[in-house]
Amino acid sequence: MAYVITQTCCNDASCVAVCPVNCIHPTPEEPGFATAEMLHIDPQTCIDCGACADACPVEAIVPEDRLTPAQARFTQINADYYKTHPMPDTWEPLTPVPAPPRDRKTLRVAIVGAGPAACYAAQELLERSDVEVEIFDRAPTPFGLVRAGVAPDHPGTKSVTDSFEWSFRRDELQLHLNVEIGRDLTHAELLEHHHAVIYAVGASADRRLGIPGEDLQGSHAATEFVAWYNGHPDHADRTFELTGTGQRSGRAVIIGNGNVALDVARILTMDADDLARTDIADHALEALRRSDIREVVLLGRRGPAQAAYSNPEFLALANLNGVDVVIDDADTDLALDPFSARAAENDPATALRIQLAREYAQRPPRPGHKRIVFRYLAAPQELLGDERVTGVRVARTELVEAENGTVAARATGVTEDLDADLVLRSIGYRGVPVPGVPFDERRGVIPNTEGRVEPGVYVAGWIKRGPNGVIGTNKGCSKETVAALLADFDAGRLPEPSGDRRTLGRLLAKRRPDRIDLHGWRSIDAAEQEAGRAEGRPRVKITDRQALVDRGRRRRLLPLLGSVRR
């Protein structure tokens, strides 16, 4: 029997480090790691020791004999990887990092952001004994897109936060939530109090379509919709066109077909009773219970072989209760698509992506079921309507080879109009500038070289490399950045700060008295989990910013108030 990696793989490679027989690939040192959808266990080499399962932060590794019916196919997916990626002949363990010089002064680092990239960076820094870390985030809660971006029906993925708790428990780390850099503290003030600053602020803005009608009522960014159903306090009061009176198509159109688009399609079509067992925001759950949406159409400019979603997420759609996945069989005909045929011959992941599309195309629709419809070779030209969206004008595209050798989509001139009550664009994220820090407007990132921006300034995560990869991708990204920072510090290239932790604390108390520290977050976390237990859910999120601040501040006041409880 072997262990099997399943859908929720986060690619952080914690399993690779503990495997005694090197049976998990690609590793961070191998070329395919950066673009891999997931890692794979070789069933012929696995010795069934279970070390990988114990190390996995998202519970994605399962013994073969304990796979659920929905996970069964991953046995073959893991094995198929090694048909074209043979096991290496040799393997050498990683070289331990040498201990820092004993006479070195304490390294003080500020990390702006509290998502996965920030937490992985803190973990790397705290491997040393001469480091103090301060984490700042404008939100009243930590964990960034793990809390506000991961779909509520993916609790295993969210469990990665458990691995970050080790860092939070360290005295060398202090958490400063509800603190915005640029408003409460400046970039210059951070540098005055730290040897270095790491910006791990993600990519919080959405990309626009640039077509007529994009700003009509009923047209939204998928990022806003995701934040709304995940209970982000900045989006909790939003409304979306899920119900109405009069003639409605009952259709939502999502422009884009990446994993975020699939998340949104699932949430729009899932049974509300199934969602009620998750940590979805209460306001979203009630709105979805009343929803008129019966069909969700995803538009992708290219074919199924080039789709942006990952195979595990695409495969998981087959397990939705009361939902059919609909694909036109003609879209899977490789005789009409030589680019995809060539790609499938050389890449098992592409071959599987096409095979899954073919399987969905062969399934007959079932009466009474909702539908998730994949439209390939389809690009939006215009959103239709006067004051609000009533439809999308869709152009048929064809695949052509671009000058750089990649496959591009070109409009053919054939169009059709598709009725829709709701349109969500899901075509990617982009970073936003940080006051006082260089910014590349074209790419939407802070320009850097292996994480270095300028003396004392570093980046990690999406603001460093752009919005690509999965949660675990940030681990290697942050590791590279921290290695550069430590090398600069040990070489004496970072100026000594004029302020320390105590002076920073006094400044924060004056500028942002309602900041939330670790104890405040623990109070929020405990309250949410307690409310969740009463309803049989992981947690019931507090979605009002002031309520979050009040709960967090209440915990900070307890030492002054004794055992008095409000």
Protein backbone atom coordinates (compact mmCIF):
# COMPACT_ATOMS: atom_id res chain seq x y z
CA MET A 1 0.00 0.00 0.00
CA ALA A 2 1.16 3.54 -0.75
CA TYR A 3 0.15 7.01 0.34
CA VAL A 4 -1.62 9.21 -2.22
CA ILE A 5 -1.63 13.01 -2.62
CA THR A 6 -5.14 14.32 -3.31
CA GLN A 7 -6.97 17.46 -4.36
CA THR A 8 -6.07 19.83 -1.55
CA CYS A 9 -2.28 19.63 -2.12
CA CYS A 10 -0.80 23.03 -1.27
CA ASN A 11 2.65 22.47 -2.87
CA ASP A 12 4.58 23.78 0.13
CA ALA A 13 6.83 20.68 0.00
CA SER A 14 6.72 19.97 3.74
CA CYS A 15 6.21 16.34 2.75
CA VAL A 16 9.32 16.32 0.55
CA ALA A 17 11.57 17.30 3.44
CA VAL A 18 10.50 14.36 5.62
CA CYS A 19 10.28 11.57 3.02
CA PRO A 20 13.05 9.04 3.81
CA VAL A 21 13.07 7.52 0.31
CA ASN A 22 12.63 10.64 -1.89
CA CYS A 23 9.40 9.36 -3.47
CA ILE A 24 7.61 12.74 -3.67
CA HIS A 25 8.13 14.92 -6.74
CA PRO A 26 8.64 17.46 -8.14
CA THR A 27 10.84 18.78 -5.35
CA PRO A 28 11.63 22.49 -4.94
CA GLU A 29 15.02 21.84 -6.57
CA GLU A 30 13.46 20.37 -9.75
CA PRO A 31 12.48 22.53 -12.76
CA GLY A 32 8.82 21.55 -12.78
CA PHE A 33 8.12 22.50 -9.16
CA ALA A 34 7.24 26.15 -9.84
CA THR A 35 4.51 25.26 -12.34
CA ALA A 36 3.26 21.95 -10.86
CA GLU A 37 -0.46 21.75 -10.07
CA MET A 38 0.30 19.34 -7.23
CA LEU A 39 2.98 16.98 -5.95
CA HIS A 40 2.94 13.22 -6.55
CA ILE A 41 3.98 10.11 -4.61
CA ASP A 42 5.60 7.27 -6.55
CA PRO A 43 3.63 4.13 -5.53
CA GLN A 44 6.56 1.86 -6.39
CA THR A 45 8.97 3.64 -4.04
CA CYS A 46 6.67 4.63 -1.15
CA ILE A 47 7.41 2.57 1.98
CA ASP A 48 4.14 3.44 3.74
CA CYS A 49 5.86 5.19 6.65
CA GLY A 50 3.29 7.99 6.91
CA ALA A 51 5.84 10.73 7.57
CA CYS A 52 4.49 12.76 4.65
CA ALA A 53 0.92 12.60 5.93
CA ASP A 54 2.02 13.79 9.36
CA ALA A 55 3.90 16.72 7.80
CA CYS A 56 1.17 17.77 5.37
CA PRO A 57 -0.35 21.08 6.59
CA VAL A 58 -3.60 20.65 4.61
CA GLU A 59 -4.43 16.95 5.18
CA ALA A 60 -4.02 16.17 1.48
CA ILE A 61 -2.04 12.91 1.87
CA VAL A 62 -4.10 9.78 2.49
CA PRO A 63 -3.32 6.04 2.63
CA GLU A 64 -4.54 4.37 -0.54
CA ASP A 65 -6.98 2.14 1.35
CA ARG A 66 -8.63 5.16 3.01
CA LEU A 67 -9.40 7.17 -0.12
CA THR A 68 -13.02 8.22 -0.50
CA PRO A 69 -14.79 7.42 -3.79
CA ALA A 70 -14.29 11.07 -4.79
CA GLN A 71 -10.53 10.73 -4.20
CA ALA A 72 -10.03 7.32 -5.83
CA ARG A 73 -8.83 8.68 -9.15
CA PHE A 74 -5.82 10.32 -7.50
CA THR A 75 -4.20 6.89 -7.15
CA GLN A 76 -3.84 6.80 -10.93
CA ILE A 77 -2.97 10.49 -11.20
CA ASN A 78 -0.04 10.01 -8.83
CA ALA A 79 1.16 6.90 -10.67
CA ASP A 80 0.78 8.44 -14.14
CA TYR A 81 3.14 11.29 -13.24
CA TYR A 82 6.05 8.86 -13.01
CA LYS A 83 5.43 7.45 -16.50
CA THR A 84 6.97 10.63 -17.92
CA HIS A 85 8.96 11.74 -14.86
CA PRO A 86 11.09 8.76 -13.81
CA MET A 87 12.45 8.65 -10.30
CA PRO A 88 15.95 10.18 -9.94
CA ASP A 89 18.83 7.78 -9.35
CA THR A 90 20.32 9.69 -6.46
CA TRP A 91 19.14 12.00 -3.74
CA GLU A 92 21.03 14.08 -1.22
CA PRO A 93 19.47 15.73 1.84
CA LEU A 94 19.39 19.50 2.06
CA THR A 95 22.46 21.18 3.52
CA PRO A 96 21.75 22.56 7.03
CA VAL A 97 21.87 26.33 7.41
CA PRO A 98 24.94 27.33 9.48
CA ALA A 99 24.29 28.94 12.85
CA PRO A 100 24.56 32.76 12.90
CA PRO A 101 27.58 34.42 14.47
CA ARG A 102 27.21 34.65 18.24
CA ASP A 103 28.28 38.29 18.43
CA ARG A 104 25.66 39.50 15.94
CA LYS A 105 23.10 42.01 17.19
CA THR A 106 19.42 41.07 17.09
CA LEU A 107 17.99 41.31 13.58
CA ARG A 108 14.69 43.20 13.51
CA VAL A 109 12.38 42.58 10.55
CA ALA A 110 8.97 44.05 9.74
CA ILE A 111 6.66 41.96 7.56
CA VAL A 112 3.77 43.84 5.97
CA GLY A 113 0.93 41.43 5.33
CA ALA A 114 -0.27 38.40 7.31
CA GLY A 115 -1.11 35.94 4.54
CA PRO A 116 0.74 32.73 3.60
CA ALA A 117 3.80 34.46 2.09
CA ALA A 118 4.19 36.58 5.22
CA CYS A 119 3.75 33.62 7.56
CA TYR A 120 6.21 31.46 5.62
CA ALA A 121 8.73 34.33 5.75
CA ALA A 122 8.26 34.58 9.51
CA GLN A 123 8.83 30.84 9.85
CA GLU A 124 12.08 31.08 7.92
CA LEU A 125 13.31 34.04 9.96
CA LEU A 126 12.47 32.42 13.28
CA GLU A 127 14.68 29.45 12.48
CA ARG A 128 17.45 31.74 13.76
CA SER A 129 17.87 32.69 17.40
CA ASP A 130 18.85 36.33 16.81
CA VAL A 131 15.66 37.63 15.17
CA GLU A 132 12.66 39.75 16.20
CA VAL A 133 9.72 39.86 13.78
CA GLU A 134 6.80 42.29 13.66
CA ILE A 135 3.86 41.40 11.38
CA PHE A 136 1.49 44.18 10.27
CA ASP A 137 -1.83 43.81 8.43
CA ARG A 138 -4.59 46.29 7.69
CA ALA A 139 -7.23 43.60 8.33
CA PRO A 140 -8.39 42.84 11.89
CA THR A 141 -7.63 39.13 11.29
CA PRO A 142 -4.57 37.28 9.97
CA PHE A 143 -4.01 34.74 7.15
CA GLY A 144 -4.99 36.86 4.13
CA LEU A 145 -6.52 34.87 1.30
CA VAL A 146 -6.55 31.65 3.33
CA ARG A 147 -9.33 33.25 5.37
CA ALA A 148 -10.81 35.59 2.77
CA GLY A 149 -10.06 33.78 -0.51
CA VAL A 150 -10.11 29.99 -0.07
CA ALA A 151 -13.59 28.64 -0.77
CA PRO A 152 -15.58 27.69 2.36
CA ASP A 153 -16.08 24.12 1.11
CA HIS A 154 -12.28 23.57 1.16
CA PRO A 155 -11.64 23.29 4.93
CA GLY A 156 -8.59 21.09 4.40
CA THR A 157 -6.85 23.88 2.50
CA LYS A 158 -7.59 26.32 5.31
CA SER A 159 -5.94 24.04 7.86
CA VAL A 160 -2.56 25.30 6.62
CA THR A 161 -3.01 28.08 9.18
CA ASP A 162 -2.39 25.53 11.94
CA SER A 163 1.22 25.31 10.79
CA PHE A 164 1.59 29.09 11.19
CA GLU A 165 0.51 29.02 14.83
CA TRP A 166 4.00 27.88 15.85
CA SER A 167 5.38 31.23 14.71
CA PHE A 168 2.63 33.18 16.44
CA ARG A 169 3.42 31.48 19.75
CA ARG A 170 7.02 32.67 19.71
CA ASP A 171 7.93 35.62 21.91
CA GLU A 172 10.20 36.84 19.11
CA LEU A 173 7.11 37.57 16.96
CA GLN A 174 4.55 40.30 17.56
CA LEU A 175 1.31 40.67 15.62
CA HIS A 176 -0.14 44.11 14.78
CA LEU A 177 -3.55 43.74 13.08
CA ASN A 178 -5.85 46.59 12.04
CA VAL A 179 -2.72 48.62 11.25
CA GLU A 180 -2.31 50.04 7.75
CA ILE A 181 1.11 50.97 6.43
CA GLY A 182 0.84 54.31 4.68
CA ARG A 183 -1.87 55.47 7.07
CA ASP A 184 -0.82 54.51 10.61
CA LEU A 185 2.89 54.06 9.92
CA THR A 186 4.96 55.15 6.95
CA HIS A 187 7.47 53.09 5.02
CA ALA A 188 10.23 55.35 6.36
CA GLU A 189 9.10 54.77 9.95
CA LEU A 190 9.24 51.02 9.45
CA LEU A 191 12.83 51.32 8.29
CA GLU A 192 13.64 53.50 11.31
CA HIS A 193 12.59 50.66 13.62
CA HIS A 194 13.85 47.64 11.67
CA HIS A 195 16.90 46.45 9.78
CA ALA A 196 14.63 45.28 6.96
CA VAL A 197 11.05 45.34 5.74
CA ILE A 198 9.44 42.50 3.77
CA TYR A 199 6.34 43.47 1.82
CA ALA A 200 4.06 40.44 1.43
CA VAL A 201 0.91 42.38 0.62
CA GLY A 202 -0.39 40.13 -2.16
CA ALA A 203 -2.29 41.36 -5.20
CA SER A 204 -5.53 42.87 -3.94
CA ALA A 205 -6.83 44.56 -7.11
CA ASP A 206 -8.64 42.82 -9.94
CA ARG A 207 -7.88 43.09 -13.64
CA ARG A 208 -10.46 44.75 -15.87
CA LEU A 209 -11.87 43.55 -19.17
CA GLY A 210 -11.71 46.87 -21.01
CA ILE A 211 -14.94 46.23 -22.95
CA PRO A 212 -18.20 48.23 -23.27
CA GLY A 213 -20.73 47.69 -20.48
CA GLU A 214 -18.20 46.54 -17.91
CA ASP A 215 -19.50 49.03 -15.33
CA LEU A 216 -23.20 48.18 -15.67
CA GLN A 217 -25.12 47.14 -12.56
CA GLY A 218 -24.79 43.39 -12.23
CA SER A 219 -21.18 43.34 -13.46
CA HIS A 220 -18.65 42.69 -10.70
CA ALA A 221 -15.14 41.48 -10.07
CA ALA A 222 -15.02 37.89 -8.85
CA THR A 223 -12.55 39.05 -6.20
CA GLU A 224 -15.33 41.11 -4.60
CA PHE A 225 -17.77 38.21 -4.72
CA VAL A 226 -15.23 35.86 -3.14
CA ALA A 227 -14.46 38.35 -0.37
CA TRP A 228 -18.21 38.79 0.21
CA TYR A 229 -19.04 35.12 0.69
CA ASN A 230 -15.91 34.64 2.80
CA GLY A 231 -16.94 37.41 5.18
CA HIS A 232 -14.22 39.98 4.57
CA PRO A 233 -15.35 43.05 6.54
CA ASP A 234 -14.58 45.42 3.66
CA HIS A 235 -17.10 43.57 1.47
CA ALA A 236 -19.71 42.29 3.90
CA ASP A 237 -22.26 44.95 2.96
CA ARG A 238 -22.10 44.27 -0.80
CA THR A 239 -25.14 42.99 -2.72
CA PHE A 240 -25.16 40.79 -5.80
CA GLU A 241 -27.91 40.11 -8.32
CA LEU A 242 -28.91 36.60 -7.23
CA THR A 243 -32.68 37.09 -6.97
CA GLY A 244 -35.28 39.35 -8.56
CA THR A 245 -38.72 39.73 -10.00
CA GLY A 246 -39.96 39.61 -13.56
CA GLN A 247 -38.29 37.84 -16.47
CA ARG A 248 -34.84 36.55 -15.52
CA SER A 249 -32.58 34.12 -17.29
CA GLY A 250 -31.44 32.40 -14.10
CA ARG A 251 -27.92 32.48 -15.52
CA ALA A 252 -24.64 33.85 -14.27
CA VAL A 253 -21.64 34.25 -16.57
CA ILE A 254 -18.10 34.06 -15.26
CA ILE A 255 -15.44 35.45 -17.57
CA GLY A 256 -12.37 33.31 -17.03
CA ASN A 257 -11.88 29.67 -16.10
CA GLY A 258 -9.15 29.55 -13.46
CA ASN A 259 -9.53 27.99 -10.02
CA VAL A 260 -11.17 31.13 -8.61
CA ALA A 261 -13.78 30.94 -11.37
CA LEU A 262 -14.44 27.30 -10.48
CA ASP A 263 -14.77 28.25 -6.80
CA VAL A 264 -17.36 30.88 -7.66
CA ALA A 265 -19.29 28.50 -9.94
CA ARG A 266 -19.40 25.89 -7.17
CA ILE A 267 -20.61 28.35 -4.56
CA LEU A 268 -23.34 29.64 -6.89
CA THR A 269 -24.67 26.14 -7.61
CA MET A 270 -24.05 24.18 -4.38
CA ASP A 271 -26.91 23.05 -2.21
CA ALA A 272 -27.37 25.66 0.52
CA ASP A 273 -27.63 22.95 3.17
CA ASP A 274 -24.15 21.74 2.19
CA LEU A 275 -22.82 25.30 2.41
CA ALA A 276 -24.46 25.68 5.83
CA ARG A 277 -21.93 23.19 7.22
CA THR A 278 -19.00 25.42 6.20
CA ASP A 279 -17.64 28.75 7.47
CA ILE A 280 -19.31 30.74 4.69
CA ALA A 281 -20.47 34.17 5.87
CA ASP A 282 -24.04 34.14 7.19
CA HIS A 283 -25.14 37.00 4.94
CA ALA A 284 -23.92 35.11 1.87
CA LEU A 285 -25.58 31.86 2.95
CA GLU A 286 -28.95 33.55 3.29
CA ALA A 287 -28.60 35.28 -0.08
CA LEU A 288 -27.62 32.01 -1.78
CA ARG A 289 -30.62 30.24 -0.25
CA ARG A 290 -32.85 32.72 -2.09
CA SER A 291 -30.81 32.64 -5.32
CA ASP A 292 -32.52 32.21 -8.70
CA ILE A 293 -29.29 31.18 -10.42
CA ARG A 294 -29.71 27.79 -12.09
CA GLU A 295 -26.90 27.89 -14.63
CA VAL A 296 -23.35 29.23 -14.49
CA VAL A 297 -21.42 29.63 -17.75
CA LEU A 298 -17.63 29.97 -17.70
CA LEU A 299 -16.04 31.64 -20.72
CA GLY A 300 -12.48 30.74 -21.67
CA ARG A 301 -10.68 32.34 -24.60
CA ARG A 302 -8.71 29.20 -25.41
CA GLY A 303 -9.40 25.45 -25.51
CA PRO A 304 -9.69 22.84 -22.76
CA ALA A 305 -5.99 21.99 -23.01
CA GLN A 306 -5.03 25.59 -22.16
CA ALA A 307 -7.67 26.15 -19.46
CA ALA A 308 -6.38 27.95 -16.38
CA TYR A 309 -7.99 25.67 -13.79
CA SER A 310 -6.08 22.79 -12.22
CA ASN A 311 -7.04 19.18 -12.83
CA PRO A 312 -7.88 18.43 -9.17
CA GLU A 313 -10.34 21.33 -9.02
CA PHE A 314 -11.86 20.39 -12.40
CA LEU A 315 -12.23 16.76 -11.32
CA ALA A 316 -13.91 17.73 -8.04
CA LEU A 317 -16.87 19.31 -9.87
CA ALA A 318 -18.10 15.81 -10.63
CA ASN A 319 -18.96 15.35 -6.95
CA LEU A 320 -21.36 18.29 -6.59
CA ASN A 321 -24.82 17.18 -5.51
CA GLY A 322 -27.55 18.18 -7.94
CA VAL A 323 -25.17 19.83 -10.43
CA ASP A 324 -24.27 18.79 -13.99
CA VAL A 325 -21.04 19.83 -15.69
CA VAL A 326 -21.83 20.58 -19.34
CA ILE A 327 -19.26 20.69 -22.17
CA ASP A 328 -19.82 20.65 -25.92
CA ASP A 329 -18.28 17.49 -27.32
CA ALA A 330 -16.96 19.45 -30.32
CA ASP A 331 -14.69 21.47 -28.00
CA THR A 332 -12.77 18.31 -27.11
CA ASP A 333 -12.07 17.21 -30.71
CA LEU A 334 -8.28 17.34 -30.99
CA ALA A 335 -8.50 16.91 -34.75
CA LEU A 336 -9.67 20.54 -34.79
CA ASP A 337 -6.98 21.62 -32.34
CA PRO A 338 -3.44 20.55 -33.32
CA PHE A 339 -1.90 22.71 -30.57
CA SER A 340 -3.71 20.78 -27.85
CA ALA A 341 -2.95 17.42 -29.45
CA ARG A 342 0.75 18.25 -29.42
CA ALA A 343 0.64 19.45 -25.82
CA ALA A 344 -1.21 16.32 -24.68
CA GLU A 345 1.47 14.08 -26.16
CA ASN A 346 4.19 15.72 -24.04
CA ASP A 347 2.42 16.51 -20.78
CA PRO A 348 0.32 14.08 -18.67
CA ALA A 349 -1.45 16.98 -16.91
CA THR A 350 -2.64 18.37 -20.26
CA ALA A 351 -3.71 14.92 -21.42
CA LEU A 352 -5.72 14.47 -18.22
CA ARG A 353 -7.30 17.92 -18.60
CA ILE A 354 -8.56 16.96 -22.06
CA GLN A 355 -9.66 13.50 -20.91
CA LEU A 356 -11.73 14.98 -18.07
CA ALA A 357 -13.39 17.43 -20.48
CA ARG A 358 -14.28 14.51 -22.76
CA GLU A 359 -15.78 12.58 -19.87
CA TYR A 360 -17.94 15.51 -18.86
CA ALA A 361 -19.02 15.99 -22.48
CA GLN A 362 -20.32 12.42 -22.61
CA ARG A 363 -22.52 12.74 -19.55
CA PRO A 364 -26.21 13.33 -20.31
CA PRO A 365 -27.92 16.20 -18.47
CA ARG A 366 -30.21 15.20 -15.61
CA PRO A 367 -33.66 16.76 -15.10
CA GLY A 368 -33.86 19.29 -12.29
CA HIS A 369 -30.11 19.69 -11.91
CA LYS A 370 -28.31 23.00 -11.93
CA ARG A 371 -25.63 23.38 -14.58
CA ILE A 372 -22.02 24.53 -14.77
CA VAL A 373 -21.31 25.09 -18.46
CA PHE A 374 -17.78 25.42 -19.84
CA ARG A 375 -17.58 27.45 -23.04
CA TYR A 376 -14.13 27.23 -24.62
CA LEU A 377 -12.83 29.36 -27.53
CA ALA A 378 -15.16 32.11 -26.33
CA ALA A 379 -14.25 35.72 -25.52
CA PRO A 380 -16.51 38.52 -24.23
CA GLN A 381 -16.85 41.49 -26.57
CA GLU A 382 -19.47 43.55 -24.76
CA LEU A 383 -21.79 43.42 -21.75
CA LEU A 384 -25.35 44.13 -22.86
CA GLY A 385 -28.00 46.22 -21.12
CA ASP A 386 -28.99 49.80 -20.43
CA GLU A 387 -28.63 50.37 -16.69
CA ARG A 388 -28.01 46.77 -15.63
CA VAL A 389 -26.53 43.71 -17.28
CA THR A 390 -28.91 41.61 -19.37
CA GLY A 391 -26.38 39.58 -21.33
CA VAL A 392 -22.93 39.11 -22.81
CA ARG A 393 -21.91 39.33 -26.47
CA VAL A 394 -19.50 36.45 -26.99
CA ALA A 395 -17.06 36.11 -29.88
CA ARG A 396 -15.87 32.73 -31.11
CA THR A 397 -12.07 32.48 -31.12
CA GLU A 398 -9.51 30.26 -32.79
CA LEU A 399 -6.07 29.21 -31.62
CA VAL A 400 -2.98 30.58 -33.33
CA GLU A 401 0.70 30.38 -32.53
CA ALA A 402 2.10 33.65 -31.22
CA GLU A 403 5.55 35.00 -32.11
CA ASN A 404 6.99 33.73 -28.82
CA GLY A 405 5.75 30.21 -29.53
CA THR A 406 2.81 30.26 -27.12
CA VAL A 407 -0.77 29.55 -28.10
CA ALA A 408 -2.99 32.62 -28.38
CA ALA A 409 -6.70 33.14 -29.03
CA ARG A 410 -7.87 35.23 -32.01
CA ALA A 411 -11.45 36.36 -32.65
CA THR A 412 -13.06 34.85 -35.75
CA GLY A 413 -15.82 37.43 -36.23
CA VAL A 414 -18.58 34.97 -35.27
CA THR A 415 -20.59 36.25 -32.28
CA GLU A 416 -23.64 35.34 -30.23
CA ASP A 417 -25.55 37.00 -27.40
CA LEU A 418 -25.91 35.12 -24.14
CA ASP A 419 -28.57 36.20 -21.62
CA ALA A 420 -27.27 36.75 -18.08
CA ASP A 421 -28.44 38.30 -14.81
CA LEU A 422 -24.99 38.41 -13.22
CA VAL A 423 -21.52 38.74 -14.76
CA LEU A 424 -18.34 38.15 -12.76
CA ARG A 425 -14.93 38.79 -14.26
CA SER A 426 -12.28 36.39 -13.02
CA ILE A 427 -9.28 37.21 -15.18
CA GLY A 428 -6.64 37.67 -12.51
CA TYR A 429 -5.35 39.82 -9.69
CA ARG A 430 -2.78 42.59 -9.70
CA GLY A 431 -0.81 44.31 -6.97
CA VAL A 432 -1.27 47.90 -5.88
CA PRO A 433 1.52 50.39 -5.06
CA VAL A 434 2.88 50.80 -1.55
CA PRO A 435 3.62 54.46 -0.69
CA GLY A 436 7.35 55.08 -0.77
CA VAL A 437 8.24 51.79 -2.51
CA PRO A 438 9.05 51.33 -6.23
CA PHE A 439 6.25 49.81 -8.33
CA ASP A 440 5.98 48.29 -11.82
CA GLU A 441 2.59 49.52 -13.13
CA ARG A 442 2.66 47.25 -16.18
CA ARG A 443 3.18 44.02 -14.26
CA GLY A 444 1.45 45.10 -11.07
CA VAL A 445 4.37 44.04 -8.83
CA ILE A 446 7.18 45.62 -6.82
CA PRO A 447 10.29 45.20 -9.02
CA ASN A 448 12.90 43.00 -7.37
CA THR A 449 15.79 40.62 -7.86
CA GLU A 450 15.28 37.37 -5.95
CA GLY A 451 13.24 39.33 -3.42
CA ARG A 452 15.59 42.31 -3.08
CA VAL A 453 14.06 45.70 -3.93
CA GLU A 454 16.59 48.17 -2.49
CA PRO A 455 18.76 48.21 0.65
CA GLY A 456 16.63 47.01 3.54
CA VAL A 457 13.49 46.46 1.43
CA TYR A 458 12.32 43.01 0.27
CA VAL A 459 9.21 41.36 -1.16
CA ALA A 460 7.57 37.94 -1.04
CA GLY A 461 4.44 36.35 -2.51
CA TRP A 462 2.25 37.76 -5.27
CA ILE A 463 3.55 41.31 -4.94
CA LYS A 464 6.98 39.83 -5.75
CA ARG A 465 6.25 37.40 -8.59
CA GLY A 466 2.69 38.18 -9.72
CA PRO A 467 -0.54 36.28 -8.98
CA ASN A 468 0.50 32.71 -9.76
CA GLY A 469 0.93 29.45 -7.93
CA VAL A 470 -0.93 27.98 -4.97
CA ILE A 471 -0.57 28.51 -1.22
CA GLY A 472 2.53 26.37 -0.88
CA THR A 473 4.27 28.16 -3.74
CA ASN A 474 4.76 31.00 -1.29
CA LYS A 475 6.99 28.84 0.88
CA GLY A 476 9.81 28.61 -1.66
CA CYS A 477 9.22 32.22 -2.68
CA SER A 478 9.57 33.44 0.91
CA LYS A 479 12.53 31.17 1.55
CA GLU A 480 14.40 32.79 -1.34
CA THR A 481 13.62 36.28 -0.05
CA VAL A 482 14.65 35.51 3.52
CA ALA A 483 17.89 33.94 2.30
CA ALA A 484 18.73 37.19 0.51
CA LEU A 485 17.82 39.25 3.58
CA LEU A 486 19.92 37.11 5.94
CA ALA A 487 22.86 37.22 3.57
CA ASP A 488 22.68 41.02 3.52
CA PHE A 489 22.40 41.22 7.30
CA ASP A 490 25.28 38.82 7.96
CA ALA A 491 27.43 40.75 5.47
CA GLY A 492 26.75 44.02 7.33
CA ARG A 493 24.88 45.61 4.42
CA LEU A 494 21.79 46.62 6.46
CA PRO A 495 21.93 49.88 8.45
CA GLU A 496 21.23 49.73 12.18
CA PRO A 497 17.70 51.01 13.05
CA SER A 498 17.39 53.98 15.38
CA GLY A 499 14.28 52.60 17.10
CA ASP A 500 13.52 49.29 18.80
CA ARG A 501 10.47 47.20 19.75
CA ARG A 502 9.67 49.42 22.74
CA THR A 503 9.72 52.71 20.81
CA LEU A 504 7.67 51.09 18.05
CA GLY A 505 5.09 50.00 20.62
CA ARG A 506 4.77 53.54 21.96
CA LEU A 507 4.34 54.92 18.44
CA LEU A 508 1.64 52.35 17.60
CA ALA A 509 -0.20 53.03 20.85
CA LYS A 510 -0.40 56.70 19.88
CA ARG A 511 -1.18 56.26 16.18
CA ARG A 512 -3.45 53.19 16.30
CA PRO A 513 -4.80 52.55 19.80
CA ASP A 514 -7.40 50.11 18.42
CA ARG A 515 -4.81 47.79 16.90
CA ILE A 516 -5.28 44.08 17.56
CA ASP A 517 -2.46 41.94 18.89
CA LEU A 518 -2.11 38.15 19.15
CA HIS A 519 -4.27 37.99 22.28
CA GLY A 520 -6.96 39.99 20.50
CA TRP A 521 -6.89 37.65 17.51
CA ARG A 522 -7.11 34.64 19.83
CA SER A 523 -10.23 36.19 21.37
CA ILE A 524 -11.80 36.67 17.93
CA ASP A 525 -10.83 33.15 16.89
CA ALA A 526 -12.28 31.60 20.06
CA ALA A 527 -15.55 33.52 19.71
CA GLU A 528 -15.99 32.44 16.08
CA GLN A 529 -15.22 28.80 16.83
CA GLU A 530 -17.54 28.76 19.84
CA ALA A 531 -20.38 30.14 17.70
CA GLY A 532 -19.54 27.53 15.05
CA ARG A 533 -19.73 24.62 17.50
CA ALA A 534 -23.24 25.67 18.45
CA GLU A 535 -24.28 25.31 14.79
CA GLY A 536 -22.14 22.33 13.79
CA ARG A 537 -19.80 24.46 11.69
CA PRO A 538 -16.04 25.15 11.79
CA ARG A 539 -16.72 28.74 12.79
CA VAL A 540 -19.23 31.55 12.36
CA LYS A 541 -17.24 34.51 11.10
CA ILE A 542 -17.59 37.96 12.56
CA THR A 543 -17.91 40.09 9.43
CA ASP A 544 -18.31 43.62 10.84
CA ARG A 545 -14.98 45.43 11.24
CA GLN A 546 -16.01 47.34 14.36
CA ALA A 547 -17.30 44.14 15.97
CA LEU A 548 -13.96 42.48 15.22
CA VAL A 549 -12.07 45.42 16.71
CA ASP A 550 -14.31 45.45 19.79
CA ARG A 551 -13.75 41.74 20.34
CA GLY A 552 -10.00 42.07 19.84
CA ARG A 553 -9.71 45.14 22.06
CA ARG A 554 -11.85 43.51 24.74
CA ARG A 555 -9.23 40.80 25.15
CA ARG A 556 -6.48 43.40 25.56
CA LEU A 557 -8.47 45.18 28.29
CA LEU A 558 -9.10 42.04 30.36
CA PRO A 559 -5.88 42.32 32.38
CA LEU A 560 -7.03 45.78 33.50
CA LEU A 561 -10.61 44.71 34.22
CA GLY A 562 -9.85 41.52 36.09
CA SER A 563 -12.41 38.83 35.39
CA VAL A 564 -15.19 41.25 34.45
CA ARG A 565 -16.85 40.13 31.21
CA ARG A 566 -19.03 42.25 29.02
